[in-house]
Amino acid sequence: MSSFAVRYRSRGKVREVRWTNGELLAEPLVETVISSLVRSRHVVRRHAADGGEPASLDTAEPAALTILEALHDVGAQILHWDGNPLGR
């Protein structure tokens, strides 16, 4: 089973996003931003030179990149990451 969680600070509160096998658990604002990224097929990248891939929640690595992009968009400060979306 693939899963990870990201604890972050946003708007003065500590919150968490959790992803498990394609299922997302997040606050409504982050869910909305993620949905928008996925719908628009926004390209997420590991590195600036990377060609990237469309935002997605289907598999762990694109989900992690999509979630990080959404957290960046809402100005969140990442506090802690649990799990390894790369399976290494």
PDB file of N, CA and C in Angstrom:
ATOM      1  N   MET A   1       0.844  -1.185   0.000  1.00  0.00           N
ATOM      2  CA  MET A   1       0.000   0.000   0.000  1.00  0.00           C
ATOM      3  C   MET A   1       0.880   1.237   0.000  1.00  0.00           C
ATOM      4  N   SER A   2       0.645   2.139  -0.934  1.00  0.00           N
ATOM      5  CA  SER A   2       1.376   3.398  -1.015  1.00  0.00           C
ATOM      6  C   SER A   2       0.645   4.467  -0.223  1.00  0.00           C
ATOM      7  N   SER A   3       1.396   5.192   0.583  1.00  0.00           N
ATOM      8  CA  SER A   3       0.792   6.302   1.313  1.00  0.00           C
ATOM      9  C   SER A   3       1.867   7.275   1.781  1.00  0.00           C
ATOM     10  N   PHE A   4       1.453   8.505   1.975  1.00  0.00           N
ATOM     11  CA  PHE A   4       2.320   9.508   2.567  1.00  0.00           C
ATOM     12  C   PHE A   4       1.451  10.609   3.154  1.00  0.00           C
ATOM     13  N   ALA A   5       2.054  11.396   4.022  1.00  0.00           N
ATOM     14  CA  ALA A   5       1.364  12.519   4.649  1.00  0.00           C
ATOM     15  C   ALA A   5       2.326  13.696   4.698  1.00  0.00           C
ATOM     16  N   VAL A   6       1.776  14.885   4.550  1.00  0.00           N
ATOM     17  CA  VAL A   6       2.562  16.111   4.629  1.00  0.00           C
ATOM     18  C   VAL A   6       1.911  17.004   5.677  1.00  0.00           C
ATOM     19  N   ARG A   7       2.672  17.349   6.694  1.00  0.00           N
ATOM     20  CA  ARG A   7       2.206  18.292   7.712  1.00  0.00           C
ATOM     21  C   ARG A   7       2.739  19.665   7.319  1.00  0.00           C
ATOM     22  N   TYR A   8       1.889  20.669   7.383  1.00  0.00           N
ATOM     23  CA  TYR A   8       2.278  22.007   6.941  1.00  0.00           C
ATOM     24  C   TYR A   8       1.584  23.070   7.772  1.00  0.00           C
ATOM     25  N   ARG A   9       2.114  24.290   7.707  1.00  0.00           N
ATOM     26  CA  ARG A   9       1.497  25.439   8.383  1.00  0.00           C
ATOM     27  C   ARG A   9       0.931  26.348   7.305  1.00  0.00           C
ATOM     28  N   SER A  10      -0.320  26.724   7.499  1.00  0.00           N
ATOM     29  CA  SER A  10      -0.989  27.614   6.555  1.00  0.00           C
ATOM     30  C   SER A  10      -2.002  28.463   7.314  1.00  0.00           C
ATOM     31  N   ARG A  11      -1.976  29.745   7.048  1.00  0.00           N
ATOM     32  CA  ARG A  11      -2.907  30.680   7.685  1.00  0.00           C
ATOM     33  C   ARG A  11      -2.903  30.536   9.208  1.00  0.00           C
ATOM     34  N   GLY A  12      -1.714  30.331   9.783  1.00  0.00           N
ATOM     35  CA  GLY A  12      -1.555  30.285  11.231  1.00  0.00           C
ATOM     36  C   GLY A  12      -1.904  28.970  11.898  1.00  0.00           C
ATOM     37  N   LYS A  13      -2.256  27.935  11.124  1.00  0.00           N
ATOM     38  CA  LYS A  13      -2.620  26.641  11.704  1.00  0.00           C
ATOM     39  C   LYS A  13      -1.769  25.527  11.103  1.00  0.00           C
ATOM     40  N   VAL A  14      -1.517  24.496  11.905  1.00  0.00           N
ATOM     41  CA  VAL A  14      -0.833  23.308  11.402  1.00  0.00           C
ATOM     42  C   VAL A  14      -1.899  22.358  10.866  1.00  0.00           C
ATOM     43  N   ARG A  15      -1.700  21.909   9.646  1.00  0.00           N
ATOM     44  CA  ARG A  15      -2.669  21.042   8.969  1.00  0.00           C
ATOM     45  C   ARG A  15      -1.936  19.862   8.350  1.00  0.00           C
ATOM     46  N   GLU A  16      -2.697  18.926   7.775  1.00  0.00           N
ATOM     47  CA  GLU A  16      -2.078  17.755   7.161  1.00  0.00           C
ATOM     48  C   GLU A  16      -2.834  17.354   5.903  1.00  0.00           C
ATOM     49  N   VAL A  17      -2.069  16.925   4.900  1.00  0.00           N
ATOM     50  CA  VAL A  17      -2.612  16.295   3.695  1.00  0.00           C
ATOM     51  C   VAL A  17      -2.157  14.848   3.751  1.00  0.00           C
ATOM     52  N   ARG A  18      -3.068  13.928   3.493  1.00  0.00           N
ATOM     53  CA  ARG A  18      -2.724  12.506   3.490  1.00  0.00           C
ATOM     54  C   ARG A  18      -3.191  11.901   2.171  1.00  0.00           C
ATOM     55  N   TRP A  19      -2.318  11.099   1.548  1.00  0.00           N
ATOM     56  CA  TRP A  19      -2.638  10.394   0.302  1.00  0.00           C
ATOM     57  C   TRP A  19      -2.395   8.905   0.520  1.00  0.00           C
ATOM     58  N   THR A  20      -3.396   8.080   0.187  1.00  0.00           N
ATOM     59  CA  THR A  20      -3.271   6.624   0.299  1.00  0.00           C
ATOM     60  C   THR A  20      -3.911   5.985  -0.923  1.00  0.00           C
ATOM     61  N   ASN A  21      -3.080   5.329  -1.742  1.00  0.00           N
ATOM     62  CA  ASN A  21      -3.566   4.611  -2.929  1.00  0.00           C
ATOM     63  C   ASN A  21      -4.584   5.392  -3.748  1.00  0.00           C
ATOM     64  N   GLY A  22      -4.269   6.625  -4.071  1.00  0.00           N
ATOM     65  CA  GLY A  22      -5.144   7.429  -4.918  1.00  0.00           C
ATOM     66  C   GLY A  22      -6.203   8.218  -4.191  1.00  0.00           C
ATOM     67  N   GLU A  23      -6.348   8.007  -2.896  1.00  0.00           N
ATOM     68  CA  GLU A  23      -7.348   8.725  -2.101  1.00  0.00           C
ATOM     69  C   GLU A  23      -6.686   9.873  -1.351  1.00  0.00           C
ATOM     70  N   LEU A  24      -7.298  11.041  -1.414  1.00  0.00           N
ATOM     71  CA  LEU A  24      -6.752  12.246  -0.800  1.00  0.00           C
ATOM     72  C   LEU A  24      -7.604  12.657   0.394  1.00  0.00           C
ATOM     73  N   LEU A  25      -6.950  13.042   1.468  1.00  0.00           N
ATOM     74  CA  LEU A  25      -7.618  13.616   2.633  1.00  0.00           C
ATOM     75  C   LEU A  25      -6.920  14.940   2.909  1.00  0.00           C
ATOM     76  N   ALA A  26      -7.650  16.043   2.721  1.00  0.00           N
ATOM     77  CA  ALA A  26      -7.054  17.374   2.873  1.00  0.00           C
ATOM     78  C   ALA A  26      -8.134  18.381   3.212  1.00  0.00           C
ATOM     79  N   GLU A  27      -7.693  19.547   3.676  1.00  0.00           N
ATOM     80  CA  GLU A  27      -8.651  20.622   3.938  1.00  0.00           C
ATOM     81  C   GLU A  27      -9.264  21.080   2.605  1.00  0.00           C
ATOM     82  N   PRO A  28     -10.459  21.659   2.637  1.00  0.00           N
ATOM     83  CA  PRO A  28     -11.151  22.040   1.399  1.00  0.00           C
ATOM     84  C   PRO A  28     -10.348  22.955   0.467  1.00  0.00           C
ATOM     85  N   LEU A  29      -9.617  23.933   1.002  1.00  0.00           N
ATOM     86  CA  LEU A  29      -8.853  24.836   0.138  1.00  0.00           C
ATOM     87  C   LEU A  29      -7.810  24.064  -0.661  1.00  0.00           C
ATOM     88  N   VAL A  30      -7.066  23.196  -0.003  1.00  0.00           N
ATOM     89  CA  VAL A  30      -6.031  22.420  -0.685  1.00  0.00           C
ATOM     90  C   VAL A  30      -6.666  21.445  -1.671  1.00  0.00           C
ATOM     91  N   GLU A  31      -7.771  20.815  -1.300  1.00  0.00           N
ATOM     92  CA  GLU A  31      -8.482  19.926  -2.228  1.00  0.00           C
ATOM     93  C   GLU A  31      -8.895  20.670  -3.492  1.00  0.00           C
ATOM     94  N   THR A  32      -9.370  21.896  -3.328  1.00  0.00           N
ATOM     95  CA  THR A  32      -9.809  22.704  -4.471  1.00  0.00           C
ATOM     96  C   THR A  32      -8.639  23.038  -5.386  1.00  0.00           C
ATOM     97  N   VAL A  33      -7.519  23.438  -4.801  1.00  0.00           N
ATOM     98  CA  VAL A  33      -6.338  23.774  -5.617  1.00  0.00           C
ATOM     99  C   VAL A  33      -5.834  22.527  -6.347  1.00  0.00           C
ATOM    100  N   ILE A  34      -5.794  21.393  -5.665  1.00  0.00           N
ATOM    101  CA  ILE A  34      -5.361  20.148  -6.298  1.00  0.00           C
ATOM    102  C   ILE A  34      -6.306  19.775  -7.433  1.00  0.00           C
ATOM    103  N   SER A  35      -7.598  19.855  -7.201  1.00  0.00           N
ATOM    104  CA  SER A  35      -8.586  19.544  -8.250  1.00  0.00           C
ATOM    105  C   SER A  35      -8.388  20.440  -9.462  1.00  0.00           C
ATOM    106  N   SER A  36      -8.101  21.711  -9.218  1.00  0.00           N
ATOM    107  CA  SER A  36      -7.865  22.647 -10.316  1.00  0.00           C
ATOM    108  C   SER A  36      -6.611  22.276 -11.102  1.00  0.00           C
ATOM    109  N   LEU A  37      -5.544  21.900 -10.402  1.00  0.00           N
ATOM    110  CA  LEU A  37      -4.310  21.485 -11.084  1.00  0.00           C
ATOM    111  C   LEU A  37      -4.552  20.246 -11.941  1.00  0.00           C
ATOM    112  N   VAL A  38      -5.288  19.284 -11.398  1.00  0.00           N
ATOM    113  CA  VAL A  38      -5.563  18.042 -12.138  1.00  0.00           C
ATOM    114  C   VAL A  38      -6.443  18.331 -13.355  1.00  0.00           C
ATOM    115  N   ARG A  39      -7.530  19.092 -13.153  1.00  0.00           N
ATOM    116  CA  ARG A  39      -8.445  19.410 -14.258  1.00  0.00           C
ATOM    117  C   ARG A  39      -7.752  20.146 -15.389  1.00  0.00           C
ATOM    118  N   SER A  40      -6.863  21.068 -15.043  1.00  0.00           N
ATOM    119  CA  SER A  40      -6.183  21.873 -16.067  1.00  0.00           C
ATOM    120  C   SER A  40      -4.987  21.144 -16.679  1.00  0.00           C
ATOM    121  N   ARG A  41      -4.718  19.919 -16.187  1.00  0.00           N
ATOM    122  CA  ARG A  41      -3.578  19.120 -16.638  1.00  0.00           C
ATOM    123  C   ARG A  41      -2.274  19.895 -16.481  1.00  0.00           C
ATOM    124  N   HIS A  42      -2.210  20.671 -15.397  1.00  0.00           N
ATOM    125  CA  HIS A  42      -1.004  21.423 -15.044  1.00  0.00           C
ATOM    126  C   HIS A  42       0.180  20.460 -14.994  1.00  0.00           C
ATOM    127  N   VAL A  43       1.326  20.878 -15.494  1.00  0.00           N
ATOM    128  CA  VAL A  43       2.510  20.014 -15.517  1.00  0.00           C
ATOM    129  C   VAL A  43       3.312  20.206 -14.235  1.00  0.00           C
ATOM    130  N   VAL A  44       3.553  19.102 -13.523  1.00  0.00           N
ATOM    131  CA  VAL A  44       4.382  19.129 -12.322  1.00  0.00           C
ATOM    132  C   VAL A  44       5.726  18.490 -12.649  1.00  0.00           C
ATOM    133  N   ARG A  45       6.787  19.010 -12.028  1.00  0.00           N
ATOM    134  CA  ARG A  45       8.147  18.551 -12.337  1.00  0.00           C
ATOM    135  C   ARG A  45       8.930  18.262 -11.065  1.00  0.00           C
ATOM    136  N   ARG A  46       9.813  17.271 -11.152  1.00  0.00           N
ATOM    137  CA  ARG A  46      10.762  17.003 -10.060  1.00  0.00           C
ATOM    138  C   ARG A  46      11.887  18.021 -10.075  1.00  0.00           C
ATOM    139  N   HIS A  47      12.360  18.390 -11.271  1.00  0.00           N
ATOM    140  CA  HIS A  47      13.473  19.317 -11.460  1.00  0.00           C
ATOM    141  C   HIS A  47      13.088  20.315 -12.539  1.00  0.00           C
ATOM    142  N   ALA A  48      13.716  21.474 -12.516  1.00  0.00           N
ATOM    143  CA  ALA A  48      13.401  22.506 -13.512  1.00  0.00           C
ATOM    144  C   ALA A  48      13.608  22.010 -14.939  1.00  0.00           C
ATOM    145  N   ALA A  49      14.615  21.187 -15.160  1.00  0.00           N
ATOM    146  CA  ALA A  49      14.915  20.695 -16.510  1.00  0.00           C
ATOM    147  C   ALA A  49      14.055  19.490 -16.901  1.00  0.00           C
ATOM    148  N   ASP A  50      13.343  18.930 -15.958  1.00  0.00           N
ATOM    149  CA  ASP A  50      12.495  17.760 -16.187  1.00  0.00           C
ATOM    150  C   ASP A  50      11.308  18.150 -17.061  1.00  0.00           C
ATOM    151  N   GLY A  51      10.940  17.289 -18.003  1.00  0.00           N
ATOM    152  CA  GLY A  51       9.794  17.560 -18.865  1.00  0.00           C
ATOM    153  C   GLY A  51       8.484  17.558 -18.098  1.00  0.00           C
ATOM    154  N   GLY A  52       8.450  16.856 -16.983  1.00  0.00           N
ATOM    155  CA  GLY A  52       7.273  16.830 -16.132  1.00  0.00           C
ATOM    156  C   GLY A  52       6.193  15.906 -16.643  1.00  0.00           C
ATOM    157  N   GLU A  53       5.105  15.902 -15.930  1.00  0.00           N
ATOM    158  CA  GLU A  53       3.939  15.104 -16.282  1.00  0.00           C
ATOM    159  C   GLU A  53       2.698  15.803 -15.753  1.00  0.00           C
ATOM    160  N   PRO A  54       1.517  15.458 -16.261  1.00  0.00           N
ATOM    161  CA  PRO A  54       0.303  16.122 -15.801  1.00  0.00           C
ATOM    162  C   PRO A  54       0.040  15.859 -14.314  1.00  0.00           C
ATOM    163  N   ALA A  55      -0.479  16.864 -13.646  1.00  0.00           N
ATOM    164  CA  ALA A  55      -0.872  16.719 -12.246  1.00  0.00           C
ATOM    165  C   ALA A  55      -1.864  15.565 -12.126  1.00  0.00           C
ATOM    166  N   SER A  56      -1.696  14.757 -11.092  1.00  0.00           N
ATOM    167  CA  SER A  56      -2.530  13.567 -10.933  1.00  0.00           C
ATOM    168  C   SER A  56      -2.486  13.092  -9.489  1.00  0.00           C
ATOM    169  N   LEU A  57      -3.523  12.369  -9.094  1.00  0.00           N
ATOM    170  CA  LEU A  57      -3.553  11.713  -7.785  1.00  0.00           C
ATOM    171  C   LEU A  57      -3.556  10.198  -7.943  1.00  0.00           C
ATOM    172  N   ASP A  58      -3.392   9.717  -9.168  1.00  0.00           N
ATOM    173  CA  ASP A  58      -3.511   8.286  -9.445  1.00  0.00           C
ATOM    174  C   ASP A  58      -2.398   7.441  -8.845  1.00  0.00           C
ATOM    175  N   THR A  59      -1.161   7.901  -8.956  1.00  0.00           N
ATOM    176  CA  THR A  59      -0.025   7.141  -8.420  1.00  0.00           C
ATOM    177  C   THR A  59       0.795   8.046  -7.511  1.00  0.00           C
ATOM    178  N   ALA A  60       1.644   7.436  -6.697  1.00  0.00           N
ATOM    179  CA  ALA A  60       2.304   8.151  -5.610  1.00  0.00           C
ATOM    180  C   ALA A  60       3.180   9.326  -6.044  1.00  0.00           C
ATOM    181  N   GLU A  61       4.086   9.112  -6.987  1.00  0.00           N
ATOM    182  CA  GLU A  61       5.011  10.201  -7.321  1.00  0.00           C
ATOM    183  C   GLU A  61       4.310  11.424  -7.917  1.00  0.00           C
ATOM    184  N   PRO A  62       3.448  11.273  -8.945  1.00  0.00           N
ATOM    185  CA  PRO A  62       2.744  12.460  -9.434  1.00  0.00           C
ATOM    186  C   PRO A  62       1.842  13.080  -8.367  1.00  0.00           C
ATOM    187  N   ALA A  63       1.263  12.253  -7.498  1.00  0.00           N
ATOM    188  CA  ALA A  63       0.422  12.786  -6.421  1.00  0.00           C
ATOM    189  C   ALA A  63       1.248  13.652  -5.485  1.00  0.00           C
ATOM    190  N   ALA A  64       2.444  13.189  -5.130  1.00  0.00           N
ATOM    191  CA  ALA A  64       3.314  13.968  -4.247  1.00  0.00           C
ATOM    192  C   ALA A  64       3.680  15.300  -4.889  1.00  0.00           C
ATOM    193  N   LEU A  65       4.044  15.277  -6.161  1.00  0.00           N
ATOM    194  CA  LEU A  65       4.393  16.512  -6.865  1.00  0.00           C
ATOM    195  C   LEU A  65       3.194  17.451  -6.964  1.00  0.00           C
ATOM    196  N   THR A  66       2.021  16.901  -7.221  1.00  0.00           N
ATOM    197  CA  THR A  66       0.800  17.700  -7.326  1.00  0.00           C
ATOM    198  C   THR A  66       0.460  18.340  -5.985  1.00  0.00           C
ATOM    199  N   ILE A  67       0.562  17.570  -4.913  1.00  0.00           N
ATOM    200  CA  ILE A  67       0.268  18.091  -3.574  1.00  0.00           C
ATOM    201  C   ILE A  67       1.266  19.184  -3.193  1.00  0.00           C
ATOM    202  N   LEU A  68       2.546  18.960  -3.470  1.00  0.00           N
ATOM    203  CA  LEU A  68       3.546  19.987  -3.162  1.00  0.00           C
ATOM    204  C   LEU A  68       3.287  21.265  -3.948  1.00  0.00           C
ATOM    205  N   GLU A  69       2.897  21.130  -5.209  1.00  0.00           N
ATOM    206  CA  GLU A  69       2.572  22.302  -6.034  1.00  0.00           C
ATOM    207  C   GLU A  69       1.384  23.057  -5.422  1.00  0.00           C
ATOM    208  N   ALA A  70       0.363  22.336  -4.998  1.00  0.00           N
ATOM    209  CA  ALA A  70      -0.816  22.969  -4.394  1.00  0.00           C
ATOM    210  C   ALA A  70      -0.442  23.671  -3.090  1.00  0.00           C
ATOM    211  N   LEU A  71       0.368  23.027  -2.259  1.00  0.00           N
ATOM    212  CA  LEU A  71       0.780  23.652  -0.999  1.00  0.00           C
ATOM    213  C   LEU A  71       1.597  24.909  -1.263  1.00  0.00           C
ATOM    214  N   HIS A  72       2.435  24.863  -2.279  1.00  0.00           N
ATOM    215  CA  HIS A  72       3.195  26.058  -2.673  1.00  0.00           C
ATOM    216  C   HIS A  72       2.231  27.167  -3.099  1.00  0.00           C
ATOM    217  N   ASP A  73       1.227  26.815  -3.884  1.00  0.00           N
ATOM    218  CA  ASP A  73       0.265  27.799  -4.378  1.00  0.00           C
ATOM    219  C   ASP A  73      -0.501  28.495  -3.257  1.00  0.00           C
ATOM    220  N   VAL A  74      -0.747  27.799  -2.151  1.00  0.00           N
ATOM    221  CA  VAL A  74      -1.480  28.424  -1.032  1.00  0.00           C
ATOM    222  C   VAL A  74      -0.527  29.050  -0.012  1.00  0.00           C
ATOM    223  N   GLY A  75       0.777  29.019  -0.311  1.00  0.00           N
ATOM    224  CA  GLY A  75       1.747  29.655   0.576  1.00  0.00           C
ATOM    225  C   GLY A  75       2.042  28.879   1.847  1.00  0.00           C
ATOM    226  N   ALA A  76       1.859  27.571   1.804  1.00  0.00           N
ATOM    227  CA  ALA A  76       2.071  26.739   2.989  1.00  0.00           C
ATOM    228  C   ALA A  76       3.559  26.529   3.256  1.00  0.00           C
ATOM    229  N   GLN A  77       3.883  26.360   4.526  1.00  0.00           N
ATOM    230  CA  GLN A  77       5.236  26.022   4.953  1.00  0.00           C
ATOM    231  C   GLN A  77       5.242  24.541   5.323  1.00  0.00           C
ATOM    232  N   ILE A  78       6.019  23.738   4.608  1.00  0.00           N
ATOM    233  CA  ILE A  78       6.100  22.298   4.880  1.00  0.00           C
ATOM    234  C   ILE A  78       6.840  22.105   6.204  1.00  0.00           C
ATOM    235  N   LEU A  79       6.220  21.348   7.106  1.00  0.00           N
ATOM    236  CA  LEU A  79       6.827  21.076   8.406  1.00  0.00           C
ATOM    237  C   LEU A  79       7.410  19.677   8.490  1.00  0.00           C
ATOM    238  N   HIS A  80       6.693  18.695   7.924  1.00  0.00           N
ATOM    239  CA  HIS A  80       7.145  17.310   8.050  1.00  0.00           C
ATOM    240  C   HIS A  80       6.525  16.447   6.954  1.00  0.00           C
ATOM    241  N   TRP A  81       7.324  15.515   6.469  1.00  0.00           N
ATOM    242  CA  TRP A  81       6.857  14.574   5.439  1.00  0.00           C
ATOM    243  C   TRP A  81       6.968  13.167   5.999  1.00  0.00           C
ATOM    244  N   ASP A  82       5.890  12.391   5.969  1.00  0.00           N
ATOM    245  CA  ASP A  82       5.893  10.989   6.397  1.00  0.00           C
ATOM    246  C   ASP A  82       5.628  10.110   5.180  1.00  0.00           C
ATOM    247  N   GLY A  83       6.454   9.092   4.983  1.00  0.00           N
ATOM    248  CA  GLY A  83       6.258   8.166   3.870  1.00  0.00           C
ATOM    249  C   GLY A  83       7.172   8.511   2.712  1.00  0.00           C
ATOM    250  N   ASN A  84       7.234   7.585   1.745  1.00  0.00           N
ATOM    251  CA  ASN A  84       8.092   7.757   0.585  1.00  0.00           C
ATOM    252  C   ASN A  84       7.321   7.453  -0.685  1.00  0.00           C
ATOM    253  N   PRO A  85       6.926   8.485  -1.429  1.00  0.00           N
ATOM    254  CA  PRO A  85       6.146   8.239  -2.645  1.00  0.00           C
ATOM    255  C   PRO A  85       6.932   7.542  -3.754  1.00  0.00           C
ATOM    256  N   LEU A  86       8.253   7.491  -3.620  1.00  0.00           N
ATOM    257  CA  LEU A  86       9.060   6.821  -4.636  1.00  0.00           C
ATOM    258  C   LEU A  86       9.256   5.351  -4.326  1.00  0.00           C
ATOM    259  N   GLY A  87       8.849   4.911  -3.150  1.00  0.00           N
ATOM    260  CA  GLY A  87       8.957   3.517  -2.775  1.00  0.00           C
ATOM    261  C   GLY A  87      10.380   3.048  -2.572  1.00  0.00           C
ATOM    262  N   ARG A  88      11.277   3.950  -2.293  1.00  0.00           N
ATOM    263  CA  ARG A  88      12.686   3.588  -2.097  1.00  0.00           C
ATOM    264  C   ARG A  88      13.029   3.549  -0.642  1.00  0.00           C
TER     265      ARG A  88
END
